[in-house]
Amino acid sequence: MGVSENEKIFRSLAVGKRKPRVVVIGSGLSGICMGMRLMAAGYDDLVMLEQADRCGGTWHYNQYPGLRCDVPSHYYQYSFEPSAEWSQRFCGGEEIREYFERMARKYHVFERIRFNTQSRHAEWTGSEWRVDIESAEGGRQQLHCDILITACGILVRPKYPEIPGLDSFAGPVIHSARWDHDINLTGRRVAVIGCGSTGVQMIEPLSQICRKVVSFQRTPQWVLPVPNRKYGEFGRKLARRFPAISRFYYVTFRFAMEQMMGRGIIKDGWSRRMVGKICRWNLNTVKDPELRTKLTPNYTAMCKRLVMSSDYYPAMQKPNVELVTESIERVEAQGIVTKDGKLHELDAIALATGYHANEYVLPMTMTGENGVTLDEVWKDGPRGYRTVALPGFPNFFMVMGPHSPVGNFSLASIAETQSAYIMKFVDLWAERKFETIYPREDATERFNAEMLANMKHTVWTTGCQSWYLDDKGVPGSWPWTATKFRGDLQDPRLQEYVIA
């Protein structure tokens, strides 16, 4: 029988399993998934660091009107922990957050989370990681661990627009990621700046309570109409009795999203054209030709993150909803002034202007082997080895690292794949197969070169501006299929690592 490359590298026998000290930064769905895997394997010397006052990540921070996931609920969950309790095909944010917190409690991850704690700096000392943390009360402390894992997400720090006079507005200005429920918008005139998924989701619920909703649109979006079916008690009761139903839903939705949208994103063909035709048909439901023209994008569907909504176009045709495509010149105390000189009088402004995307571990700083810093390694933009590791940073791994296949996919599925891969290394460390490990520079360069070469076939490079693109216009996502992603993270490929 032949000897594998991995076996050639690790010939020594384990003297006995040891338990690593692990720090995981972040308790959104990816951090919770990593914590669940660690706890299930018996690695309970675990500290989870969370800057917020509760877990859930984006599903904690975002609480704006109309918030819901644009990935089907049965696919936006862990495949090994299917839920029979989803109330709708596309559930609201709080229901999703409750699912992930329920998982954290079930696997005893929750009690290992330190809330209201900022991770300031992480440094490799030569034998372990030292993590400098600061609590909300101002207390500073250092943690020490054998393995450091970041699960900080990709959309964390809200982006506030640089509009002259925004601070002078007399009414409240609310960012979608910092929504203030104490502000009553009933009967008010409200502006929504931004028309990505967040801005689109806000329009219908705001139109039901506001005297007037003004949507300020810089770039129109392609909108895929997906009905949000409600699941009744009878269906949920069946799913509780027969868990295979939930697993069937998971597999079906995953196949549909990966085959219909996933393939259309990475290569031109039938799926890209089909999505475009459906979006065009949906756009044609707008009766007013002038409004329809304003809502018509000039780029290929899916070049920007595809918006999923069946109620956006009906809401935009309501008498109390106005679309403004003239660019904003400034904000005054009474409202927003557009380039044509018109003052749009308002009582409140809602910012759906997104995040500083792809910051990953930032603003935390890091120092790896031989004093190399993360700022130096990422001076030309975030990069890594197969989305999960970095050369020169021993025993360090990332969930949702650079070029993870984000977009119109389930981040829960991505987190599952990456955390399972990382667990292979945690197990090897526990079995005394190595003391330190990190990817080789040449292997990382080769991976990134292959990835960049394949980006030219993706829909993201067909001519639009989106948060997927970095400052150089390079997409920050995965240019291959989800199947290839799962396959690439099956084998640790230890020959591509520096091992000591």
Protein backbone atom coordinates (compact mmCIF):
# COMPACT_ATOMS: atom_id res chain seq x y z
CA MET A 1 0.00 0.00 0.00
CA GLY A 2 1.37 3.43 -0.94
CA VAL A 3 2.20 6.10 1.59
CA SER A 4 0.37 9.43 1.23
CA GLU A 5 2.16 12.78 1.26
CA ASN A 6 0.56 13.57 4.61
CA GLU A 7 1.81 10.31 6.11
CA LYS A 8 5.31 10.95 4.82
CA ILE A 9 5.35 14.27 6.63
CA PHE A 10 4.00 12.87 9.88
CA ARG A 11 5.79 9.61 10.64
CA SER A 12 6.17 10.12 14.37
CA LEU A 13 3.66 8.47 16.69
CA ALA A 14 1.57 10.59 19.02
CA VAL A 15 2.57 10.22 22.66
CA GLY A 16 -0.96 11.06 23.75
CA LYS A 17 -3.52 13.68 22.89
CA ARG A 18 -3.13 17.12 24.40
CA LYS A 19 -5.72 19.84 24.70
CA PRO A 20 -4.97 23.14 22.92
CA ARG A 21 -5.76 26.54 24.35
CA VAL A 22 -7.89 28.16 21.65
CA VAL A 23 -9.08 31.74 21.25
CA VAL A 24 -11.80 32.47 18.69
CA ILE A 25 -12.49 36.13 17.86
CA GLY A 26 -16.10 36.75 16.89
CA SER A 27 -19.39 35.10 17.81
CA GLY A 28 -21.42 35.51 14.67
CA LEU A 29 -22.54 32.45 12.74
CA SER A 30 -18.95 31.60 11.69
CA GLY A 31 -17.48 31.96 15.18
CA ILE A 32 -20.31 29.93 16.70
CA CYS A 33 -19.78 27.21 14.09
CA MET A 34 -16.08 27.06 14.94
CA GLY A 35 -16.86 26.96 18.64
CA MET A 36 -19.39 24.18 18.16
CA ARG A 37 -16.86 22.02 16.33
CA LEU A 38 -14.22 22.59 19.00
CA MET A 39 -16.58 21.77 21.85
CA ALA A 40 -17.97 18.70 20.07
CA ALA A 41 -14.39 17.41 19.72
CA GLY A 42 -13.72 17.95 23.43
CA TYR A 43 -11.48 21.02 23.04
CA ASP A 44 -13.12 23.02 25.80
CA ASP A 45 -10.12 25.18 26.77
CA LEU A 46 -11.81 27.80 24.64
CA VAL A 47 -12.33 31.55 24.90
CA MET A 48 -14.63 33.36 22.49
CA LEU A 49 -14.18 37.14 22.21
CA GLU A 50 -17.10 39.32 21.16
CA GLN A 51 -17.15 43.10 20.99
CA ALA A 52 -20.97 43.30 21.15
CA ASP A 53 -23.20 42.59 24.13
CA ARG A 54 -24.70 39.47 22.58
CA CYS A 55 -23.86 36.93 19.90
CA GLY A 56 -25.18 36.79 16.36
CA GLY A 57 -22.84 39.12 14.50
CA THR A 58 -24.64 40.85 11.66
CA TRP A 59 -27.95 39.48 12.94
CA HIS A 60 -27.38 41.34 16.18
CA TYR A 61 -26.21 44.64 14.72
CA ASN A 62 -28.83 44.84 11.98
CA GLN A 63 -32.36 45.41 13.29
CA TYR A 64 -33.80 47.74 10.66
CA PRO A 65 -37.42 47.51 9.40
CA GLY A 66 -37.88 44.69 6.89
CA LEU A 67 -34.65 42.90 7.81
CA ARG A 68 -34.56 39.35 6.55
CA CYS A 69 -32.05 36.97 5.01
CA ASP A 70 -32.02 36.70 1.23
CA VAL A 71 -30.87 33.07 1.44
CA PRO A 72 -33.61 30.49 2.22
CA SER A 73 -33.77 29.73 5.94
CA HIS A 74 -33.38 25.98 5.45
CA TYR A 75 -30.08 26.63 3.66
CA TYR A 76 -28.96 29.40 6.01
CA GLN A 77 -28.38 27.00 8.89
CA TYR A 78 -25.87 24.34 9.85
CA SER A 79 -26.48 21.18 7.85
CA PHE A 80 -25.74 19.06 10.91
CA GLU A 81 -28.28 21.01 13.03
CA PRO A 82 -31.38 21.48 10.85
CA SER A 83 -34.27 23.39 12.39
CA ALA A 84 -37.92 22.52 12.00
CA GLU A 85 -39.02 25.85 13.47
CA TRP A 86 -38.49 28.29 10.57
CA SER A 87 -41.64 30.39 10.13
CA GLN A 88 -40.92 31.54 6.57
CA ARG A 89 -38.82 30.70 3.54
CA PHE A 90 -36.82 33.89 4.17
CA CYS A 91 -36.88 34.55 7.89
CA GLY A 92 -36.42 37.81 9.73
CA GLY A 93 -33.20 38.76 11.46
CA GLU A 94 -34.23 38.07 15.05
CA GLU A 95 -35.43 34.56 14.23
CA ILE A 96 -32.08 33.83 12.57
CA ARG A 97 -30.11 35.28 15.47
CA GLU A 98 -32.11 33.16 17.91
CA TYR A 99 -31.23 30.02 15.92
CA PHE A 100 -27.50 30.70 16.14
CA GLU A 101 -27.68 31.58 19.82
CA ARG A 102 -29.64 28.39 20.42
CA MET A 103 -26.83 26.43 18.76
CA ALA A 104 -24.23 28.24 20.89
CA ARG A 105 -26.10 27.29 24.05
CA LYS A 106 -26.69 23.69 22.96
CA TYR A 107 -22.96 23.10 22.41
CA HIS A 108 -21.93 25.06 25.54
CA VAL A 109 -20.20 27.70 23.42
CA PHE A 110 -22.32 30.52 24.83
CA GLU A 111 -20.83 30.40 28.33
CA ARG A 112 -17.34 30.71 26.83
CA ILE A 113 -18.11 34.02 25.13
CA ARG A 114 -16.67 37.18 26.67
CA PHE A 115 -19.06 39.90 25.59
CA ASN A 116 -18.25 43.62 25.32
CA THR A 117 -14.60 42.72 24.73
CA GLN A 118 -12.42 44.22 22.00
CA SER A 119 -9.45 42.32 20.58
CA ARG A 120 -6.79 45.01 20.18
CA HIS A 121 -3.62 43.17 19.15
CA ALA A 122 -2.41 39.61 18.65
CA GLU A 123 1.29 38.71 18.63
CA TRP A 124 3.14 35.45 18.06
CA THR A 125 5.77 35.12 20.80
CA GLY A 126 7.64 32.21 19.23
CA SER A 127 5.71 29.51 21.05
CA GLU A 128 2.17 30.87 21.52
CA TRP A 129 -0.20 33.70 20.68
CA ARG A 130 -0.62 36.63 23.04
CA VAL A 131 -3.89 38.49 22.57
CA ASP A 132 -4.40 41.94 24.06
CA ILE A 133 -8.04 42.58 24.92
CA GLU A 134 -10.03 45.43 26.42
CA SER A 135 -13.43 45.24 28.06
CA ALA A 136 -16.14 47.85 27.65
CA GLU A 137 -15.42 49.01 31.21
CA GLY A 138 -11.85 49.82 30.19
CA GLY A 139 -10.12 46.83 31.73
CA ARG A 140 -7.12 45.51 29.77
CA GLN A 141 -5.92 41.94 29.84
CA GLN A 142 -3.75 39.48 27.94
CA LEU A 143 -4.79 36.02 26.86
CA HIS A 144 -2.42 33.27 25.77
CA CYS A 145 -3.30 30.47 23.38
CA ASP A 146 -1.80 27.76 21.22
CA ILE A 147 -4.20 28.31 18.33
CA LEU A 148 -5.79 31.60 17.30
CA ILE A 149 -8.84 31.70 15.05
CA THR A 150 -10.59 34.80 13.74
CA ALA A 151 -14.24 34.72 12.71
CA CYS A 152 -14.79 38.45 12.46
CA GLY A 153 -17.03 38.53 9.39
CA ILE A 154 -16.72 40.64 6.27
CA LEU A 155 -19.40 43.28 6.89
CA VAL A 156 -18.80 44.69 10.34
CA ARG A 157 -17.95 48.41 10.45
CA PRO A 158 -20.80 50.60 9.10
CA LYS A 159 -19.96 52.99 6.28
CA TYR A 160 -21.30 56.49 6.75
CA PRO A 161 -21.56 58.58 3.57
CA GLU A 162 -19.48 61.74 3.26
CA ILE A 163 -22.34 64.12 2.47
CA PRO A 164 -21.78 67.81 3.23
CA GLY A 165 -24.01 69.01 6.05
CA LEU A 166 -25.17 65.60 7.22
CA ASP A 167 -24.43 66.57 10.81
CA SER A 168 -26.59 69.65 10.47
CA PHE A 169 -29.83 67.77 9.82
CA ALA A 170 -32.42 68.65 12.45
CA GLY A 171 -33.98 65.17 12.64
CA PRO A 172 -32.53 61.77 13.48
CA VAL A 173 -30.00 60.09 11.16
CA ILE A 174 -30.04 56.30 11.61
CA HIS A 175 -27.69 53.78 10.03
CA SER A 176 -29.28 50.44 9.17
CA ALA A 177 -26.64 48.63 11.23
CA ARG A 178 -27.26 50.80 14.28
CA TRP A 179 -31.05 51.11 14.19
CA ASP A 180 -32.68 53.02 17.04
CA HIS A 181 -36.07 51.52 17.87
CA ASP A 182 -36.85 54.38 20.22
CA ILE A 183 -37.33 56.69 17.23
CA ASN A 184 -40.96 56.67 16.09
CA LEU A 185 -41.22 57.09 12.31
CA THR A 186 -45.01 56.78 12.11
CA GLY A 187 -46.47 59.57 10.01
CA ARG A 188 -43.02 61.02 9.30
CA ARG A 189 -41.24 61.89 6.06
CA VAL A 190 -38.26 59.55 5.82
CA ALA A 191 -35.38 59.37 3.36
CA VAL A 192 -33.65 56.09 2.56
CA ILE A 193 -30.16 56.64 1.18
CA GLY A 194 -28.90 53.54 -0.60
CA CYS A 195 -30.73 50.90 -2.59
CA GLY A 196 -28.81 47.68 -2.10
CA SER A 197 -30.46 44.75 -0.34
CA THR A 198 -30.85 46.74 2.88
CA GLY A 199 -32.37 49.82 1.27
CA VAL A 200 -34.72 47.68 -0.80
CA GLN A 201 -35.92 45.75 2.25
CA MET A 202 -36.71 48.97 4.12
CA ILE A 203 -39.05 50.50 1.55
CA GLU A 204 -42.15 48.32 1.99
CA PRO A 205 -42.34 48.33 5.83
CA LEU A 206 -41.56 52.05 6.00
CA SER A 207 -44.21 52.79 3.37
CA GLN A 208 -46.80 51.22 5.65
CA ILE A 209 -46.17 53.62 8.54
CA CYS A 210 -44.58 56.75 7.06
CA ARG A 211 -46.38 59.68 5.53
CA LYS A 212 -43.73 59.73 2.81
CA VAL A 213 -40.71 57.61 1.91
CA VAL A 214 -38.08 59.09 -0.39
CA SER A 215 -35.60 56.61 -1.87
CA PHE A 216 -32.35 58.24 -2.99
CA GLN A 217 -30.89 55.98 -5.65
CA ARG A 218 -27.37 56.29 -7.01
CA THR A 219 -27.38 53.02 -8.98
CA PRO A 220 -30.46 50.87 -9.70
CA GLN A 221 -30.43 47.20 -8.77
CA TRP A 222 -31.53 44.04 -10.51
CA VAL A 223 -34.21 42.46 -8.34
CA LEU A 224 -35.02 38.75 -8.40
CA PRO A 225 -38.64 38.10 -7.34
CA VAL A 226 -38.71 35.26 -4.80
CA PRO A 227 -42.00 34.79 -2.93
CA ASN A 228 -41.57 34.53 0.84
CA ARG A 229 -43.71 31.52 1.64
CA LYS A 230 -44.90 31.14 5.24
CA TYR A 231 -44.57 27.76 6.96
CA GLY A 232 -47.63 26.78 8.98
CA GLU A 233 -47.73 24.83 12.22
CA PHE A 234 -48.70 21.62 10.42
CA GLY A 235 -45.60 21.78 8.23
CA ARG A 236 -43.36 22.50 11.19
CA LYS A 237 -44.90 19.63 13.12
CA LEU A 238 -44.12 17.27 10.24
CA ALA A 239 -40.54 18.55 10.10
CA ARG A 240 -40.14 17.95 13.85
CA ARG A 241 -41.34 14.38 13.48
CA PHE A 242 -39.38 13.67 10.30
CA PRO A 243 -36.01 15.54 10.37
CA ALA A 244 -35.31 14.27 6.86
CA ILE A 245 -37.72 16.94 5.61
CA SER A 246 -35.46 19.75 6.82
CA ARG A 247 -32.41 17.99 5.39
CA PHE A 248 -34.22 17.63 2.05
CA TYR A 249 -34.99 21.36 2.04
CA TYR A 250 -31.34 22.10 2.79
CA VAL A 251 -30.02 20.01 -0.08
CA THR A 252 -32.66 21.31 -2.50
CA PHE A 253 -32.04 25.00 -1.78
CA ARG A 254 -28.27 24.51 -1.84
CA PHE A 255 -28.46 22.85 -5.24
CA ALA A 256 -30.76 25.57 -6.62
CA MET A 257 -28.61 28.46 -5.42
CA GLU A 258 -25.29 26.92 -6.37
CA GLN A 259 -26.44 25.80 -9.79
CA MET A 260 -28.64 28.72 -10.81
CA MET A 261 -26.75 31.65 -9.35
CA GLY A 262 -23.40 30.15 -8.46
CA ARG A 263 -22.57 29.02 -11.96
CA GLY A 264 -23.94 32.21 -13.46
CA ILE A 265 -21.57 34.24 -11.29
CA ILE A 266 -18.39 32.47 -12.33
CA LYS A 267 -19.13 31.86 -16.02
CA ASP A 268 -21.39 33.21 -18.72
CA GLY A 269 -24.00 30.72 -19.83
CA TRP A 270 -27.59 29.60 -19.44
CA SER A 271 -27.84 30.32 -15.72
CA ARG A 272 -26.58 33.90 -16.01
CA ARG A 273 -28.95 34.55 -18.91
CA MET A 274 -31.89 32.94 -17.09
CA VAL A 275 -31.39 35.08 -13.97
CA GLY A 276 -31.16 38.17 -16.18
CA LYS A 277 -34.42 37.32 -17.96
CA ILE A 278 -36.28 36.75 -14.70
CA CYS A 279 -35.03 40.07 -13.34
CA ARG A 280 -36.03 41.84 -16.56
CA TRP A 281 -39.50 40.28 -16.38
CA ASN A 282 -39.82 41.49 -12.78
CA LEU A 283 -38.76 45.00 -13.76
CA ASN A 284 -41.46 45.09 -16.42
CA THR A 285 -44.12 44.79 -13.70
CA VAL A 286 -43.47 48.48 -12.99
CA LYS A 287 -46.30 50.15 -14.93
CA ASP A 288 -45.03 53.73 -15.12
CA PRO A 289 -42.48 53.81 -18.00
CA GLU A 290 -40.60 56.77 -16.49
CA LEU A 291 -40.23 55.05 -13.13
CA ARG A 292 -39.29 51.80 -14.86
CA THR A 293 -36.54 53.58 -16.77
CA LYS A 294 -35.13 55.02 -13.54
CA LEU A 295 -35.12 51.56 -11.99
CA THR A 296 -33.37 49.93 -14.95
CA PRO A 297 -29.70 48.97 -14.35
CA ASN A 298 -27.13 49.27 -17.14
CA TYR A 299 -25.04 46.28 -16.07
CA THR A 300 -25.36 42.50 -16.08
CA ALA A 301 -27.52 40.92 -13.40
CA MET A 302 -25.41 39.58 -10.49
CA CYS A 303 -22.52 41.97 -11.21
CA LYS A 304 -23.64 43.57 -7.95
CA ARG A 305 -25.06 41.46 -5.17
CA LEU A 306 -28.42 40.31 -6.49
CA VAL A 307 -31.38 41.71 -4.56
CA MET A 308 -34.15 39.25 -3.65
CA SER A 309 -37.58 40.82 -3.24
CA SER A 310 -41.15 40.41 -4.37
CA ASP A 311 -42.46 43.55 -2.67
CA TYR A 312 -39.93 46.20 -3.72
CA TYR A 313 -41.43 47.17 -7.07
CA PRO A 314 -45.03 47.21 -5.72
CA ALA A 315 -43.82 49.42 -2.86
CA MET A 316 -42.03 51.80 -5.22
CA GLN A 317 -45.34 52.34 -7.06
CA LYS A 318 -47.21 53.45 -3.94
CA PRO A 319 -48.37 57.09 -3.88
CA ASN A 320 -46.41 57.85 -0.69
CA VAL A 321 -43.11 56.52 -2.10
CA GLU A 322 -40.84 58.67 -4.26
CA LEU A 323 -37.70 57.69 -6.17
CA VAL A 324 -34.99 60.34 -6.51
CA THR A 325 -32.15 59.66 -8.94
CA GLU A 326 -30.67 63.17 -8.90
CA SER A 327 -27.42 63.07 -6.93
CA ILE A 328 -27.28 64.54 -3.43
CA GLU A 329 -25.46 67.86 -3.12
CA ARG A 330 -25.81 68.52 0.61
CA VAL A 331 -27.96 68.09 3.68
CA GLU A 332 -29.57 71.01 5.47
CA ALA A 333 -31.50 71.19 8.72
CA GLN A 334 -34.80 70.75 6.88
CA GLY A 335 -33.79 67.97 4.50
CA ILE A 336 -31.70 66.92 1.50
CA VAL A 337 -30.77 69.20 -1.38
CA THR A 338 -30.11 67.50 -4.71
CA LYS A 339 -27.93 68.75 -7.57
CA ASP A 340 -30.95 70.27 -9.32
CA GLY A 341 -31.37 72.60 -6.33
CA LYS A 342 -34.51 70.97 -4.99
CA LEU A 343 -34.94 70.69 -1.22
CA HIS A 344 -36.56 67.44 -0.15
CA GLU A 345 -38.06 68.23 3.24
CA LEU A 346 -37.65 65.38 5.69
CA ASP A 347 -38.16 64.36 9.30
CA ALA A 348 -35.63 61.51 9.41
CA ILE A 349 -32.84 59.99 7.32
CA ALA A 350 -32.13 56.26 7.16
CA LEU A 351 -28.68 55.31 5.88
CA ALA A 352 -28.54 52.02 3.98
CA THR A 353 -24.98 52.71 2.90
CA GLY A 354 -23.38 49.41 3.81
CA TYR A 355 -20.09 48.59 5.41
CA HIS A 356 -16.37 48.93 4.98
CA ALA A 357 -16.24 45.53 3.33
CA ASN A 358 -13.49 42.94 3.51
CA GLU A 359 -11.72 44.28 6.59
CA TYR A 360 -11.70 40.82 8.18
CA VAL A 361 -9.71 41.14 11.43
CA LEU A 362 -9.30 44.93 11.27
CA PRO A 363 -9.00 47.17 13.23
CA MET A 364 -7.19 44.57 15.35
CA THR A 365 -3.47 44.55 14.59
CA MET A 366 -1.37 41.39 14.33
CA THR A 367 2.32 40.48 14.44
CA GLY A 368 3.45 37.09 13.21
CA GLU A 369 6.75 35.26 13.00
CA ASN A 370 9.95 37.33 12.90
CA GLY A 371 8.01 40.53 13.55
CA VAL A 372 6.04 40.53 10.30
CA THR A 373 2.83 42.53 10.67
CA LEU A 374 -0.56 42.01 9.08
CA ASP A 375 -0.40 45.56 7.72
CA GLU A 376 2.77 44.65 5.83
CA VAL A 377 1.35 41.39 4.49
CA TRP A 378 -1.89 43.07 3.40
CA LYS A 379 -0.43 46.34 2.15
CA ASP A 380 -1.66 45.48 -1.37
CA GLY A 381 -4.96 44.11 -0.14
CA PRO A 382 -6.15 41.15 1.94
CA ARG A 383 -4.97 37.76 0.74
CA GLY A 384 -4.46 34.35 2.22
CA TYR A 385 -4.02 30.67 1.57
CA ARG A 386 -7.28 29.03 0.44
CA THR A 387 -9.30 31.59 2.47
CA VAL A 388 -8.19 30.21 5.86
CA ALA A 389 -4.50 30.82 6.65
CA LEU A 390 -1.57 33.23 6.22
CA PRO A 391 2.15 32.67 5.56
CA GLY A 392 4.28 33.74 8.52
CA PHE A 393 1.42 33.51 11.03
CA PRO A 394 1.83 30.18 12.85
CA ASN A 395 -1.16 28.30 14.23
CA PHE A 396 -3.47 31.03 12.96
CA PHE A 397 -6.65 30.39 10.98
CA MET A 398 -9.56 32.39 9.64
CA VAL A 399 -13.22 31.59 9.14
CA MET A 400 -14.56 33.93 6.42
CA GLY A 401 -11.04 34.94 5.45
CA PRO A 402 -10.04 36.69 2.21
CA HIS A 403 -11.77 35.43 -0.95
CA SER A 404 -14.28 33.25 0.83
CA PRO A 405 -17.21 32.53 -1.55
CA VAL A 406 -19.51 35.19 -0.12
CA GLY A 407 -22.38 36.80 -1.99
CA ASN A 408 -25.72 35.18 -2.69
CA PHE A 409 -24.69 32.03 -0.84
CA SER A 410 -25.17 30.62 2.64
CA LEU A 411 -22.43 31.86 4.95
CA ALA A 412 -23.37 29.01 7.28
CA SER A 413 -22.36 26.51 4.61
CA ILE A 414 -19.07 28.35 4.03
CA ALA A 415 -18.35 28.41 7.76
CA GLU A 416 -19.01 24.68 7.98
CA THR A 417 -16.47 23.93 5.26
CA GLN A 418 -13.78 26.21 6.67
CA SER A 419 -14.23 25.18 10.29
CA ALA A 420 -14.07 21.48 9.35
CA TYR A 421 -10.79 22.17 7.53
CA ILE A 422 -9.36 24.06 10.50
CA MET A 423 -10.33 21.21 12.82
CA LYS A 424 -7.97 18.91 10.92
CA PHE A 425 -5.07 21.10 12.08
CA VAL A 426 -6.38 21.38 15.63
CA ASP A 427 -6.54 17.58 15.77
CA LEU A 428 -3.00 17.25 14.39
CA TRP A 429 -1.69 19.67 17.02
CA ALA A 430 -3.53 17.75 19.73
CA GLU A 431 -1.95 14.53 18.46
CA ARG A 432 1.51 16.16 18.74
CA LYS A 433 2.09 15.99 15.02
CA PHE A 434 3.45 19.54 15.00
CA GLU A 435 4.13 22.52 17.24
CA THR A 436 3.72 25.24 14.63
CA ILE A 437 2.31 25.33 11.13
CA TYR A 438 1.56 27.94 8.49
CA PRO A 439 1.20 27.91 4.69
CA ARG A 440 4.25 28.31 2.48
CA GLU A 441 4.65 31.62 0.68
CA ASP A 442 5.03 30.00 -2.74
CA ALA A 443 1.87 27.92 -2.26
CA THR A 444 -0.03 31.03 -1.23
CA GLU A 445 1.27 32.99 -4.20
CA ARG A 446 0.33 30.15 -6.56
CA PHE A 447 -3.19 29.97 -5.15
CA ASN A 448 -3.71 33.73 -5.45
CA ALA A 449 -2.32 33.81 -9.00
CA GLU A 450 -4.70 31.03 -10.07
CA MET A 451 -7.56 32.82 -8.39
CA LEU A 452 -6.78 36.14 -10.06
CA ALA A 453 -6.55 34.47 -13.47
CA ASN A 454 -10.01 33.00 -13.02
CA MET A 455 -11.57 36.29 -11.90
CA LYS A 456 -11.77 37.53 -15.51
CA HIS A 457 -14.55 35.04 -16.25
CA THR A 458 -16.76 36.15 -13.37
CA VAL A 459 -19.77 38.43 -13.63
CA TRP A 460 -18.14 40.84 -11.13
CA THR A 461 -15.73 42.03 -13.83
CA THR A 462 -18.38 42.78 -16.46
CA GLY A 463 -18.55 46.49 -15.66
CA CYS A 464 -20.12 47.70 -12.43
CA GLN A 465 -19.04 49.09 -9.09
CA SER A 466 -19.81 46.97 -6.03
CA TRP A 467 -18.56 46.18 -2.55
CA TYR A 468 -17.15 42.95 -3.97
CA LEU A 469 -14.34 44.94 -5.62
CA ASP A 470 -11.24 46.23 -3.85
CA ASP A 471 -9.52 49.54 -4.59
CA LYS A 472 -7.86 47.97 -7.64
CA GLY A 473 -11.08 46.52 -8.99
CA VAL A 474 -10.24 42.95 -8.01
CA PRO A 475 -13.22 40.95 -6.69
CA GLY A 476 -12.82 39.77 -3.11
CA SER A 477 -14.78 36.57 -3.51
CA TRP A 478 -14.26 33.03 -4.84
CA PRO A 479 -14.06 32.67 -8.65
CA TRP A 480 -14.89 28.96 -8.80
CA THR A 481 -17.84 26.76 -7.90
CA ALA A 482 -18.96 26.01 -4.36
CA THR A 483 -18.25 22.35 -5.13
CA LYS A 484 -14.63 23.18 -5.84
CA PHE A 485 -14.47 25.20 -2.63
CA ARG A 486 -15.60 22.24 -0.57
CA GLY A 487 -13.24 19.95 -2.47
CA ASP A 488 -10.23 22.24 -2.03
CA LEU A 489 -10.74 22.26 1.74
CA GLN A 490 -11.06 18.51 2.10
CA ASP A 491 -7.33 17.75 1.96
CA PRO A 492 -5.01 19.72 4.28
CA ARG A 493 -2.24 19.53 1.63
CA LEU A 494 0.40 19.50 4.32
CA GLN A 495 3.14 19.60 1.69
CA GLU A 496 2.10 23.23 1.14
CA TYR A 497 2.76 24.15 4.79
CA VAL A 498 5.84 25.03 6.82
CA ILE A 499 5.81 22.61 9.74
CA ALA A 500 7.90 22.58 12.90
